[in-house]
Amino acid sequence: MPLIALTGGIASGKSTVARRLAEHGAVLVDADAIVREVQSPGSPVLAEIASAFGEGMLRPDGSLDRAALGGHVFGHADRVARLNAIVHPAVGEESKRRFAAAFAADPAAIVVYDVPLLAEARADDPWDLVVVAHAPAAVREQRLVELRGMTPDDARARIASQAGDDERLALADVVIDTAGSLAHTGAQTDALWERLSEPRRSLE
């Protein structure tokens, strides 16, 4: 019943690795999806965000205005820290509930937690294996510009707002090089799955 943390910087190809593992049969728990859920209208987390940062963070229908919140906290370390202190505990609690439910349903399940902010928030959790999808910052910047339409300055700022590559790689038990082709990323992910699904093979 291995519990795997999968992380990577923005535009690293982490989601590609996650989808491949899910296709093989992994139970995927998506941290970003949990964040959206705990911030849903009527939730205690959303109420606390509005209290901390103002009602302007809400849309007329009562949902979170993510663009407004991002614009308000981005580039302000104190505001980011305050937001994280509101959101991260709720996400941590819900993710652990989903891990437990997955293993209760299938004790032999391989559960993969797709978590962008592992280095920032969950590095000390008891993972059986930490997998880092890694591409150099220059490659990720190019992807953000070409695929997501960001300006180079915005792309660099988004990358700089996350943990650095050295900090992320220091946590890794396995590094998947995502700088090359999709086929190359897929082949490494397939090899990882073989390792995970071999019952007699140690993860270390």
N, C-alpha and C. Protein backbone atom coordinates (compact mmCIF):
# COMPACT_ATOMS: atom_id res chain seq x y z
N MET A 1 0.83 -1.20 0.00
CA MET A 1 0.00 0.00 0.00
C MET A 1 0.87 1.25 0.00
N PRO A 2 1.68 1.44 -1.04
CA PRO A 2 2.55 2.62 -1.07
C PRO A 2 1.77 3.91 -1.28
N LEU A 3 2.25 4.95 -0.59
CA LEU A 3 1.71 6.30 -0.73
C LEU A 3 2.81 7.16 -1.34
N ILE A 4 2.55 7.61 -2.56
CA ILE A 4 3.57 8.30 -3.36
C ILE A 4 3.22 9.78 -3.46
N ALA A 5 4.18 10.65 -3.20
CA ALA A 5 4.01 12.08 -3.45
C ALA A 5 4.65 12.40 -4.79
N LEU A 6 3.88 13.00 -5.67
CA LEU A 6 4.37 13.42 -6.99
C LEU A 6 4.32 14.93 -7.05
N THR A 7 5.47 15.56 -7.27
CA THR A 7 5.52 17.01 -7.29
C THR A 7 6.37 17.49 -8.45
N GLY A 8 6.35 18.79 -8.66
CA GLY A 8 7.11 19.41 -9.74
C GLY A 8 6.72 20.86 -9.86
N GLY A 9 7.61 21.68 -10.36
CA GLY A 9 7.32 23.09 -10.54
C GLY A 9 6.30 23.32 -11.64
N ILE A 10 5.79 24.53 -11.71
CA ILE A 10 4.82 24.89 -12.73
C ILE A 10 5.39 24.58 -14.12
N ALA A 11 4.55 23.98 -14.97
CA ALA A 11 4.91 23.61 -16.35
C ALA A 11 6.03 22.58 -16.41
N SER A 12 6.13 21.77 -15.36
CA SER A 12 7.17 20.74 -15.34
C SER A 12 6.76 19.45 -16.04
N GLY A 13 5.48 19.31 -16.33
CA GLY A 13 4.99 18.04 -16.88
C GLY A 13 4.51 17.08 -15.83
N LYS A 14 4.34 17.56 -14.60
CA LYS A 14 3.88 16.71 -13.51
C LYS A 14 2.52 16.08 -13.82
N SER A 15 1.62 16.85 -14.39
CA SER A 15 0.29 16.32 -14.69
C SER A 15 0.34 15.21 -15.74
N THR A 16 1.30 15.30 -16.65
CA THR A 16 1.48 14.24 -17.65
C THR A 16 1.89 12.95 -16.96
N VAL A 17 2.80 13.05 -16.01
CA VAL A 17 3.23 11.87 -15.25
C VAL A 17 2.06 11.31 -14.44
N ALA A 18 1.29 12.19 -13.81
CA ALA A 18 0.15 11.74 -13.00
C ALA A 18 -0.86 10.99 -13.85
N ARG A 19 -1.17 11.53 -15.03
CA ARG A 19 -2.15 10.85 -15.90
C ARG A 19 -1.64 9.48 -16.32
N ARG A 20 -0.37 9.38 -16.62
CA ARG A 20 0.20 8.10 -17.04
C ARG A 20 0.10 7.07 -15.92
N LEU A 21 0.41 7.48 -14.70
CA LEU A 21 0.31 6.58 -13.57
C LEU A 21 -1.14 6.16 -13.33
N ALA A 22 -2.07 7.08 -13.49
CA ALA A 22 -3.48 6.75 -13.35
C ALA A 22 -3.92 5.75 -14.41
N GLU A 23 -3.41 5.90 -15.63
CA GLU A 23 -3.74 4.95 -16.70
C GLU A 23 -3.25 3.55 -16.35
N HIS A 24 -2.16 3.47 -15.64
CA HIS A 24 -1.64 2.17 -15.22
C HIS A 24 -2.44 1.56 -14.09
N GLY A 25 -3.20 2.37 -13.36
CA GLY A 25 -4.01 1.85 -12.28
C GLY A 25 -3.81 2.51 -10.93
N ALA A 26 -2.97 3.51 -10.85
CA ALA A 26 -2.78 4.23 -9.59
C ALA A 26 -4.06 4.96 -9.21
N VAL A 27 -4.29 5.08 -7.91
CA VAL A 27 -5.36 5.92 -7.40
C VAL A 27 -4.79 7.32 -7.25
N LEU A 28 -5.31 8.25 -8.01
CA LEU A 28 -4.76 9.60 -8.05
C LEU A 28 -5.56 10.52 -7.14
N VAL A 29 -4.87 11.19 -6.25
CA VAL A 29 -5.48 12.21 -5.39
C VAL A 29 -4.86 13.54 -5.80
N ASP A 30 -5.69 14.46 -6.25
CA ASP A 30 -5.24 15.72 -6.86
C ASP A 30 -5.35 16.85 -5.83
N ALA A 31 -4.21 17.38 -5.40
CA ALA A 31 -4.23 18.45 -4.40
C ALA A 31 -4.95 19.69 -4.91
N ASP A 32 -4.77 20.04 -6.18
CA ASP A 32 -5.43 21.23 -6.71
C ASP A 32 -6.95 21.08 -6.69
N ALA A 33 -7.43 19.87 -6.97
CA ALA A 33 -8.88 19.63 -6.93
C ALA A 33 -9.40 19.77 -5.50
N ILE A 34 -8.61 19.31 -4.54
CA ILE A 34 -9.01 19.45 -3.13
C ILE A 34 -9.05 20.91 -2.73
N VAL A 35 -8.05 21.68 -3.19
CA VAL A 35 -8.04 23.12 -2.89
C VAL A 35 -9.33 23.77 -3.37
N ARG A 36 -9.73 23.47 -4.61
CA ARG A 36 -10.97 24.05 -5.15
C ARG A 36 -12.17 23.61 -4.31
N GLU A 37 -12.15 22.36 -3.86
CA GLU A 37 -13.29 21.86 -3.08
C GLU A 37 -13.39 22.54 -1.72
N VAL A 38 -12.27 22.68 -1.02
CA VAL A 38 -12.33 23.28 0.32
C VAL A 38 -12.60 24.77 0.26
N GLN A 39 -12.43 25.38 -0.93
CA GLN A 39 -12.73 26.80 -1.11
C GLN A 39 -14.10 27.02 -1.77
N SER A 40 -14.94 26.01 -1.78
CA SER A 40 -16.23 26.13 -2.46
C SER A 40 -17.17 27.04 -1.67
N PRO A 41 -18.19 27.61 -2.34
CA PRO A 41 -19.12 28.51 -1.66
C PRO A 41 -19.73 27.85 -0.42
N GLY A 42 -19.78 28.61 0.66
CA GLY A 42 -20.34 28.11 1.91
C GLY A 42 -19.35 27.40 2.80
N SER A 43 -18.13 27.18 2.32
CA SER A 43 -17.14 26.45 3.12
C SER A 43 -16.52 27.35 4.18
N PRO A 44 -16.09 26.77 5.31
CA PRO A 44 -15.40 27.58 6.32
C PRO A 44 -14.13 28.23 5.79
N VAL A 45 -13.42 27.53 4.88
CA VAL A 45 -12.19 28.08 4.33
C VAL A 45 -12.49 29.34 3.52
N LEU A 46 -13.51 29.31 2.70
CA LEU A 46 -13.84 30.49 1.89
C LEU A 46 -14.27 31.65 2.79
N ALA A 47 -15.02 31.35 3.83
CA ALA A 47 -15.44 32.40 4.75
C ALA A 47 -14.22 33.04 5.42
N GLU A 48 -13.22 32.21 5.76
CA GLU A 48 -12.02 32.74 6.40
C GLU A 48 -11.19 33.57 5.43
N ILE A 49 -11.15 33.15 4.16
CA ILE A 49 -10.44 33.93 3.14
C ILE A 49 -11.08 35.31 3.00
N ALA A 50 -12.40 35.33 2.93
CA ALA A 50 -13.11 36.61 2.79
C ALA A 50 -12.88 37.50 4.01
N SER A 51 -12.84 36.87 5.19
CA SER A 51 -12.60 37.64 6.41
C SER A 51 -11.19 38.22 6.43
N ALA A 52 -10.22 37.42 5.96
CA ALA A 52 -8.83 37.84 6.00
C ALA A 52 -8.49 38.87 4.94
N PHE A 53 -9.06 38.72 3.74
CA PHE A 53 -8.63 39.54 2.61
C PHE A 53 -9.72 40.44 2.05
N GLY A 54 -10.93 40.33 2.56
CA GLY A 54 -12.00 41.21 2.13
C GLY A 54 -13.01 40.53 1.23
N GLU A 55 -14.23 41.07 1.25
CA GLU A 55 -15.32 40.51 0.44
C GLU A 55 -15.06 40.66 -1.05
N GLY A 56 -14.09 41.51 -1.43
CA GLY A 56 -13.74 41.65 -2.83
C GLY A 56 -13.12 40.42 -3.44
N MET A 57 -12.78 39.45 -2.59
CA MET A 57 -12.24 38.19 -3.09
C MET A 57 -13.33 37.24 -3.58
N LEU A 58 -14.59 37.65 -3.41
CA LEU A 58 -15.72 36.81 -3.80
C LEU A 58 -16.42 37.37 -5.03
N ARG A 59 -16.92 36.46 -5.86
CA ARG A 59 -17.75 36.84 -7.00
C ARG A 59 -19.17 37.13 -6.50
N PRO A 60 -20.00 37.75 -7.35
CA PRO A 60 -21.38 38.03 -6.93
C PRO A 60 -22.16 36.78 -6.52
N ASP A 61 -21.82 35.62 -7.09
CA ASP A 61 -22.53 34.40 -6.73
C ASP A 61 -21.99 33.74 -5.46
N GLY A 62 -21.02 34.37 -4.82
CA GLY A 62 -20.47 33.84 -3.58
C GLY A 62 -19.29 32.92 -3.75
N SER A 63 -18.89 32.64 -4.98
CA SER A 63 -17.73 31.79 -5.22
C SER A 63 -16.45 32.60 -5.14
N LEU A 64 -15.33 31.92 -5.02
CA LEU A 64 -14.05 32.60 -4.91
C LEU A 64 -13.64 33.19 -6.25
N ASP A 65 -13.22 34.43 -6.23
CA ASP A 65 -12.66 35.07 -7.42
C ASP A 65 -11.16 34.79 -7.38
N ARG A 66 -10.74 33.73 -8.05
CA ARG A 66 -9.35 33.30 -7.96
C ARG A 66 -8.39 34.33 -8.54
N ALA A 67 -8.82 35.01 -9.60
CA ALA A 67 -7.96 36.02 -10.19
C ALA A 67 -7.75 37.18 -9.22
N ALA A 68 -8.81 37.59 -8.55
CA ALA A 68 -8.70 38.68 -7.59
C ALA A 68 -7.81 38.29 -6.41
N LEU A 69 -8.01 37.07 -5.91
CA LEU A 69 -7.20 36.62 -4.79
C LEU A 69 -5.73 36.50 -5.19
N GLY A 70 -5.48 35.93 -6.37
CA GLY A 70 -4.11 35.81 -6.84
C GLY A 70 -3.44 37.16 -6.99
N GLY A 71 -4.17 38.10 -7.56
CA GLY A 71 -3.62 39.43 -7.74
C GLY A 71 -3.36 40.13 -6.41
N HIS A 72 -4.15 39.79 -5.40
CA HIS A 72 -4.01 40.44 -4.09
C HIS A 72 -2.81 39.89 -3.32
N VAL A 73 -2.57 38.58 -3.42
CA VAL A 73 -1.53 37.99 -2.58
C VAL A 73 -0.20 37.80 -3.31
N PHE A 74 -0.24 37.69 -4.63
CA PHE A 74 0.98 37.38 -5.38
C PHE A 74 2.01 38.49 -5.19
N GLY A 75 3.22 38.08 -4.85
CA GLY A 75 4.29 39.04 -4.64
C GLY A 75 4.35 39.60 -3.23
N HIS A 76 3.45 39.17 -2.35
CA HIS A 76 3.44 39.63 -0.96
C HIS A 76 3.59 38.40 -0.06
N ALA A 77 4.79 38.18 0.44
CA ALA A 77 5.07 36.96 1.20
C ALA A 77 4.18 36.83 2.43
N ASP A 78 3.87 37.94 3.09
CA ASP A 78 3.04 37.86 4.28
C ASP A 78 1.61 37.44 3.95
N ARG A 79 1.09 37.93 2.83
CA ARG A 79 -0.27 37.54 2.42
C ARG A 79 -0.31 36.09 1.97
N VAL A 80 0.71 35.66 1.24
CA VAL A 80 0.78 34.26 0.82
C VAL A 80 0.82 33.35 2.04
N ALA A 81 1.63 33.73 3.04
CA ALA A 81 1.72 32.92 4.25
C ALA A 81 0.39 32.86 4.98
N ARG A 82 -0.32 33.97 5.01
CA ARG A 82 -1.64 33.99 5.68
C ARG A 82 -2.63 33.10 4.94
N LEU A 83 -2.62 33.19 3.60
CA LEU A 83 -3.51 32.35 2.81
C LEU A 83 -3.18 30.88 3.01
N ASN A 84 -1.90 30.56 2.98
CA ASN A 84 -1.50 29.16 3.16
C ASN A 84 -1.92 28.63 4.53
N ALA A 85 -1.84 29.48 5.54
CA ALA A 85 -2.23 29.05 6.89
C ALA A 85 -3.72 28.75 6.97
N ILE A 86 -4.51 29.36 6.10
CA ILE A 86 -5.94 29.08 6.04
C ILE A 86 -6.22 27.81 5.24
N VAL A 87 -5.56 27.69 4.09
CA VAL A 87 -5.92 26.63 3.14
C VAL A 87 -5.23 25.30 3.41
N HIS A 88 -3.93 25.34 3.72
CA HIS A 88 -3.17 24.10 3.80
C HIS A 88 -3.68 23.10 4.84
N PRO A 89 -4.06 23.53 6.05
CA PRO A 89 -4.57 22.53 7.00
C PRO A 89 -5.82 21.80 6.50
N ALA A 90 -6.71 22.52 5.86
CA ALA A 90 -7.93 21.89 5.34
C ALA A 90 -7.60 20.91 4.22
N VAL A 91 -6.67 21.30 3.35
CA VAL A 91 -6.26 20.42 2.27
C VAL A 91 -5.57 19.18 2.83
N GLY A 92 -4.72 19.36 3.83
CA GLY A 92 -4.04 18.23 4.43
C GLY A 92 -5.02 17.24 5.05
N GLU A 93 -6.02 17.75 5.75
CA GLU A 93 -7.01 16.88 6.39
C GLU A 93 -7.80 16.10 5.35
N GLU A 94 -8.25 16.78 4.30
CA GLU A 94 -9.04 16.11 3.28
C GLU A 94 -8.21 15.11 2.49
N SER A 95 -6.95 15.44 2.19
CA SER A 95 -6.11 14.50 1.45
C SER A 95 -5.90 13.23 2.26
N LYS A 96 -5.66 13.36 3.55
CA LYS A 96 -5.46 12.17 4.39
C LYS A 96 -6.73 11.32 4.45
N ARG A 97 -7.88 11.97 4.45
CA ARG A 97 -9.14 11.22 4.42
C ARG A 97 -9.25 10.41 3.13
N ARG A 98 -8.82 11.01 2.02
CA ARG A 98 -8.90 10.30 0.74
C ARG A 98 -7.88 9.17 0.66
N PHE A 99 -6.71 9.38 1.23
CA PHE A 99 -5.73 8.29 1.26
C PHE A 99 -6.31 7.10 2.03
N ALA A 100 -6.87 7.38 3.20
CA ALA A 100 -7.42 6.32 4.03
C ALA A 100 -8.55 5.59 3.32
N ALA A 101 -9.41 6.35 2.62
CA ALA A 101 -10.52 5.73 1.91
C ALA A 101 -10.01 4.84 0.78
N ALA A 102 -8.96 5.27 0.09
CA ALA A 102 -8.41 4.47 -1.01
C ALA A 102 -7.84 3.16 -0.50
N PHE A 103 -7.12 3.21 0.61
CA PHE A 103 -6.52 1.99 1.14
C PHE A 103 -7.57 1.08 1.79
N ALA A 104 -8.64 1.69 2.33
CA ALA A 104 -9.73 0.88 2.88
C ALA A 104 -10.44 0.11 1.77
N ALA A 105 -10.59 0.77 0.61
CA ALA A 105 -11.25 0.12 -0.52
C ALA A 105 -10.37 -0.95 -1.14
N ASP A 106 -9.06 -0.73 -1.15
CA ASP A 106 -8.12 -1.68 -1.74
C ASP A 106 -6.79 -1.57 -1.01
N PRO A 107 -6.54 -2.46 -0.05
CA PRO A 107 -5.30 -2.39 0.73
C PRO A 107 -4.03 -2.48 -0.13
N ALA A 108 -4.15 -3.00 -1.34
CA ALA A 108 -2.99 -3.12 -2.23
C ALA A 108 -2.87 -1.94 -3.19
N ALA A 109 -3.70 -0.92 -3.00
CA ALA A 109 -3.69 0.23 -3.92
C ALA A 109 -2.35 0.95 -3.90
N ILE A 110 -2.02 1.54 -5.04
CA ILE A 110 -0.89 2.46 -5.13
C ILE A 110 -1.50 3.85 -5.26
N VAL A 111 -1.34 4.65 -4.22
CA VAL A 111 -1.96 5.97 -4.16
C VAL A 111 -0.91 7.03 -4.48
N VAL A 112 -1.23 7.87 -5.45
CA VAL A 112 -0.33 8.93 -5.88
C VAL A 112 -0.97 10.27 -5.57
N TYR A 113 -0.28 11.06 -4.77
CA TYR A 113 -0.76 12.40 -4.41
C TYR A 113 -0.08 13.41 -5.31
N ASP A 114 -0.85 13.99 -6.23
CA ASP A 114 -0.36 15.00 -7.17
C ASP A 114 -0.39 16.34 -6.45
N VAL A 115 0.80 16.81 -6.01
CA VAL A 115 0.85 17.95 -5.10
C VAL A 115 1.91 18.95 -5.56
N PRO A 116 1.51 20.09 -6.11
CA PRO A 116 2.50 21.06 -6.59
C PRO A 116 3.39 21.62 -5.48
N LEU A 117 2.81 21.84 -4.30
CA LEU A 117 3.53 22.54 -3.23
C LEU A 117 4.05 21.59 -2.17
N LEU A 118 4.60 20.49 -2.57
CA LEU A 118 5.14 19.54 -1.60
C LEU A 118 6.25 20.17 -0.77
N ALA A 119 7.21 20.79 -1.44
CA ALA A 119 8.35 21.37 -0.72
C ALA A 119 7.89 22.49 0.21
N GLU A 120 6.85 23.20 -0.19
CA GLU A 120 6.39 24.33 0.59
C GLU A 120 5.53 23.92 1.79
N ALA A 121 4.83 22.77 1.69
CA ALA A 121 3.82 22.49 2.72
C ALA A 121 3.79 21.06 3.24
N ARG A 122 4.24 20.08 2.47
CA ARG A 122 4.02 18.68 2.89
C ARG A 122 5.30 17.85 2.86
N ALA A 123 6.45 18.49 2.92
CA ALA A 123 7.71 17.76 2.77
C ALA A 123 7.94 16.75 3.88
N ASP A 124 7.41 17.00 5.06
CA ASP A 124 7.69 16.14 6.21
C ASP A 124 6.65 15.06 6.42
N ASP A 125 5.66 14.97 5.55
CA ASP A 125 4.67 13.90 5.68
C ASP A 125 5.32 12.55 5.39
N PRO A 126 4.75 11.47 5.90
CA PRO A 126 5.39 10.15 5.79
C PRO A 126 5.15 9.46 4.45
N TRP A 127 5.73 10.00 3.39
CA TRP A 127 5.58 9.40 2.07
C TRP A 127 6.46 8.16 1.96
N ASP A 128 5.98 7.17 1.23
CA ASP A 128 6.82 6.01 0.94
C ASP A 128 7.83 6.32 -0.16
N LEU A 129 7.47 7.24 -1.04
CA LEU A 129 8.36 7.62 -2.13
C LEU A 129 7.98 9.03 -2.58
N VAL A 130 8.98 9.84 -2.85
CA VAL A 130 8.74 11.18 -3.41
C VAL A 130 9.29 11.20 -4.83
N VAL A 131 8.41 11.52 -5.77
CA VAL A 131 8.76 11.57 -7.19
C VAL A 131 8.70 13.03 -7.64
N VAL A 132 9.76 13.49 -8.27
CA VAL A 132 9.81 14.86 -8.76
C VAL A 132 9.88 14.85 -10.29
N ALA A 133 8.90 15.50 -10.91
CA ALA A 133 8.94 15.74 -12.35
C ALA A 133 9.77 17.00 -12.55
N HIS A 134 10.87 16.88 -13.28
CA HIS A 134 11.82 17.99 -13.33
C HIS A 134 12.17 18.39 -14.76
N ALA A 135 12.05 19.68 -15.00
CA ALA A 135 12.57 20.31 -16.21
C ALA A 135 13.21 21.62 -15.78
N PRO A 136 14.33 22.01 -16.39
CA PRO A 136 14.98 23.26 -16.00
C PRO A 136 14.05 24.46 -16.11
N ALA A 137 14.33 25.47 -15.31
CA ALA A 137 13.48 26.66 -15.29
C ALA A 137 13.32 27.29 -16.67
N ALA A 138 14.39 27.29 -17.47
CA ALA A 138 14.31 27.89 -18.80
C ALA A 138 13.32 27.15 -19.68
N VAL A 139 13.26 25.84 -19.56
CA VAL A 139 12.31 25.04 -20.33
C VAL A 139 10.89 25.34 -19.88
N ARG A 140 10.70 25.43 -18.59
CA ARG A 140 9.37 25.70 -18.06
C ARG A 140 8.90 27.11 -18.41
N GLU A 141 9.83 28.05 -18.40
CA GLU A 141 9.48 29.41 -18.81
C GLU A 141 9.01 29.42 -20.27
N GLN A 142 9.72 28.71 -21.12
CA GLN A 142 9.33 28.66 -22.53
C GLN A 142 7.94 28.04 -22.69
N ARG A 143 7.66 27.01 -21.93
CA ARG A 143 6.33 26.38 -22.01
C ARG A 143 5.24 27.34 -21.57
N LEU A 144 5.49 28.08 -20.49
CA LEU A 144 4.49 29.02 -20.01
C LEU A 144 4.20 30.11 -21.04
N VAL A 145 5.22 30.54 -21.74
CA VAL A 145 5.06 31.57 -22.76
C VAL A 145 4.34 31.00 -23.98
N GLU A 146 4.80 29.85 -24.46
CA GLU A 146 4.28 29.30 -25.71
C GLU A 146 2.93 28.60 -25.54
N LEU A 147 2.73 27.93 -24.41
CA LEU A 147 1.53 27.12 -24.25
C LEU A 147 0.45 27.80 -23.42
N ARG A 148 0.83 28.71 -22.55
CA ARG A 148 -0.16 29.36 -21.68
C ARG A 148 -0.29 30.85 -21.94
N GLY A 149 0.49 31.35 -22.88
CA GLY A 149 0.33 32.74 -23.28
C GLY A 149 0.84 33.77 -22.30
N MET A 150 1.70 33.39 -21.37
CA MET A 150 2.25 34.35 -20.42
C MET A 150 3.35 35.18 -21.08
N THR A 151 3.58 36.35 -20.53
CA THR A 151 4.75 37.10 -20.93
C THR A 151 5.97 36.47 -20.26
N PRO A 152 7.15 36.67 -20.82
CA PRO A 152 8.35 36.12 -20.16
C PRO A 152 8.50 36.59 -18.72
N ASP A 153 8.21 37.85 -18.45
CA ASP A 153 8.32 38.36 -17.09
C ASP A 153 7.34 37.66 -16.15
N ASP A 154 6.10 37.47 -16.61
CA ASP A 154 5.11 36.79 -15.78
C ASP A 154 5.52 35.33 -15.54
N ALA A 155 6.04 34.70 -16.57
CA ALA A 155 6.46 33.31 -16.44
C ALA A 155 7.58 33.18 -15.41
N ARG A 156 8.56 34.07 -15.50
CA ARG A 156 9.68 34.02 -14.55
C ARG A 156 9.18 34.29 -13.12
N ALA A 157 8.22 35.21 -12.99
CA ALA A 157 7.70 35.52 -11.66
C ALA A 157 6.96 34.33 -11.07
N ARG A 158 6.19 33.63 -11.88
CA ARG A 158 5.47 32.45 -11.39
C ARG A 158 6.44 31.37 -10.95
N ILE A 159 7.48 31.16 -11.72
CA ILE A 159 8.48 30.15 -11.37
C ILE A 159 9.20 30.54 -10.08
N ALA A 160 9.54 31.82 -9.98
CA ALA A 160 10.27 32.30 -8.80
C ALA A 160 9.43 32.25 -7.54
N SER A 161 8.11 32.25 -7.68
CA SER A 161 7.24 32.25 -6.50
C SER A 161 7.16 30.88 -5.85
N GLN A 162 7.62 29.84 -6.54
CA GLN A 162 7.60 28.49 -6.01
C GLN A 162 8.96 28.12 -5.43
N ALA A 163 9.00 26.96 -4.77
CA ALA A 163 10.28 26.45 -4.26
C ALA A 163 11.26 26.32 -5.42
N GLY A 164 12.53 26.49 -5.13
CA GLY A 164 13.55 26.36 -6.16
C GLY A 164 13.80 24.91 -6.54
N ASP A 165 14.40 24.72 -7.69
CA ASP A 165 14.68 23.36 -8.15
C ASP A 165 15.52 22.58 -7.16
N ASP A 166 16.53 23.21 -6.57
CA ASP A 166 17.40 22.50 -5.63
C ASP A 166 16.62 22.03 -4.42
N GLU A 167 15.74 22.86 -3.93
CA GLU A 167 14.92 22.50 -2.76
C GLU A 167 14.01 21.33 -3.08
N ARG A 168 13.41 21.37 -4.26
CA ARG A 168 12.49 20.30 -4.66
C ARG A 168 13.26 19.00 -4.91
N LEU A 169 14.36 19.09 -5.62
CA LEU A 169 15.13 17.88 -5.95
C LEU A 169 15.74 17.23 -4.71
N ALA A 170 15.99 18.03 -3.68
CA ALA A 170 16.55 17.48 -2.45
C ALA A 170 15.59 16.51 -1.77
N LEU A 171 14.30 16.61 -2.08
CA LEU A 171 13.30 15.72 -1.50
C LEU A 171 13.12 14.43 -2.29
N ALA A 172 13.66 14.38 -3.49
CA ALA A 172 13.31 13.33 -4.45
C ALA A 172 13.95 11.99 -4.12
N ASP A 173 13.13 10.96 -4.19
CA ASP A 173 13.63 9.58 -4.26
C ASP A 173 13.79 9.16 -5.71
N VAL A 174 12.92 9.71 -6.56
CA VAL A 174 12.94 9.42 -7.99
C VAL A 174 12.77 10.75 -8.72
N VAL A 175 13.59 10.98 -9.73
CA VAL A 175 13.45 12.16 -10.59
C VAL A 175 13.08 11.71 -11.99
N ILE A 176 12.00 12.24 -12.53
CA ILE A 176 11.60 11.97 -13.90
C ILE A 176 11.95 13.21 -14.73
N ASP A 177 12.84 13.03 -15.68
CA ASP A 177 13.30 14.12 -16.54
C ASP A 177 12.20 14.41 -17.57
N THR A 178 11.57 15.58 -17.42
CA THR A 178 10.46 15.94 -18.30
C THR A 178 10.83 17.01 -19.31
N ALA A 179 12.13 17.23 -19.47
CA ALA A 179 12.57 18.29 -20.40
C ALA A 179 12.52 17.85 -21.85
N GLY A 180 12.47 16.55 -22.09
CA GLY A 180 12.50 16.03 -23.45
C GLY A 180 11.11 15.76 -24.00
N SER A 181 11.02 14.71 -24.79
CA SER A 181 9.77 14.39 -25.47
C SER A 181 8.77 13.73 -24.52
N LEU A 182 7.50 13.72 -24.93
CA LEU A 182 6.48 13.01 -24.16
C LEU A 182 6.79 11.53 -24.07
N ALA A 183 7.36 10.98 -25.16
CA ALA A 183 7.71 9.56 -25.15
C ALA A 183 8.77 9.27 -24.10
N HIS A 184 9.74 10.17 -23.96
CA HIS A 184 10.79 9.98 -22.97
C HIS A 184 10.21 10.05 -21.55
N THR A 185 9.33 11.01 -21.33
CA THR A 185 8.67 11.12 -20.02
C THR A 185 7.83 9.87 -19.75
N GLY A 186 7.11 9.42 -20.77
CA GLY A 186 6.27 8.24 -20.60
C GLY A 186 7.07 7.00 -20.29
N ALA A 187 8.20 6.84 -20.92
CA ALA A 187 9.03 5.65 -20.69
C ALA A 187 9.55 5.62 -19.25
N GLN A 188 9.95 6.77 -18.74
CA GLN A 188 10.41 6.84 -17.35
C GLN A 188 9.27 6.55 -16.37
N THR A 189 8.08 7.06 -16.70
CA THR A 189 6.92 6.83 -15.84
C THR A 189 6.53 5.36 -15.85
N ASP A 190 6.61 4.73 -17.01
CA ASP A 190 6.32 3.30 -17.10
C ASP A 190 7.29 2.49 -16.25
N ALA A 191 8.56 2.87 -16.28
CA ALA A 191 9.56 2.17 -15.47
C ALA A 191 9.28 2.35 -13.99
N LEU A 192 8.84 3.55 -13.61
CA LEU A 192 8.46 3.79 -12.22
C LEU A 192 7.30 2.90 -11.82
N TRP A 193 6.31 2.80 -12.70
CA TRP A 193 5.15 1.96 -12.37
C TRP A 193 5.57 0.51 -12.17
N GLU A 194 6.44 0.01 -13.00
CA GLU A 194 6.92 -1.36 -12.83
C GLU A 194 7.56 -1.53 -11.45
N ARG A 195 8.32 -0.54 -11.04
CA ARG A 195 8.95 -0.58 -9.72
C ARG A 195 7.91 -0.58 -8.61
N LEU A 196 6.89 0.26 -8.76
CA LEU A 196 5.88 0.38 -7.72
C LEU A 196 5.00 -0.87 -7.62
N SER A 197 4.75 -1.50 -8.74
CA SER A 197 3.81 -2.61 -8.77
C SER A 197 4.45 -3.96 -8.54
N GLU A 198 5.76 -4.02 -8.37
CA GLU A 198 6.45 -5.27 -8.06
C GLU A 198 6.41 -5.49 -6.54
N PRO A 199 5.60 -6.45 -6.08
CA PRO A 199 5.38 -6.57 -4.63
C PRO A 199 6.62 -6.95 -3.83
N ARG A 200 7.58 -7.60 -4.44
CA ARG A 200 8.74 -8.04 -3.68
C ARG A 200 9.90 -7.06 -3.75
N ARG A 201 9.72 -5.99 -4.50
CA ARG A 201 10.80 -5.05 -4.69
C ARG A 201 10.70 -3.89 -3.73
N SER A 202 11.77 -3.55 -3.07
CA SER A 202 11.79 -2.43 -2.15
C SER A 202 11.66 -1.12 -2.91
N LEU A 203 11.02 -0.13 -2.28
CA LEU A 203 10.94 1.19 -2.89
C LEU A 203 12.21 1.98 -2.66
N GLU A 204 13.08 1.51 -1.84
CA GLU A 204 14.29 2.27 -1.55
C GLU A 204 15.37 2.00 -2.56
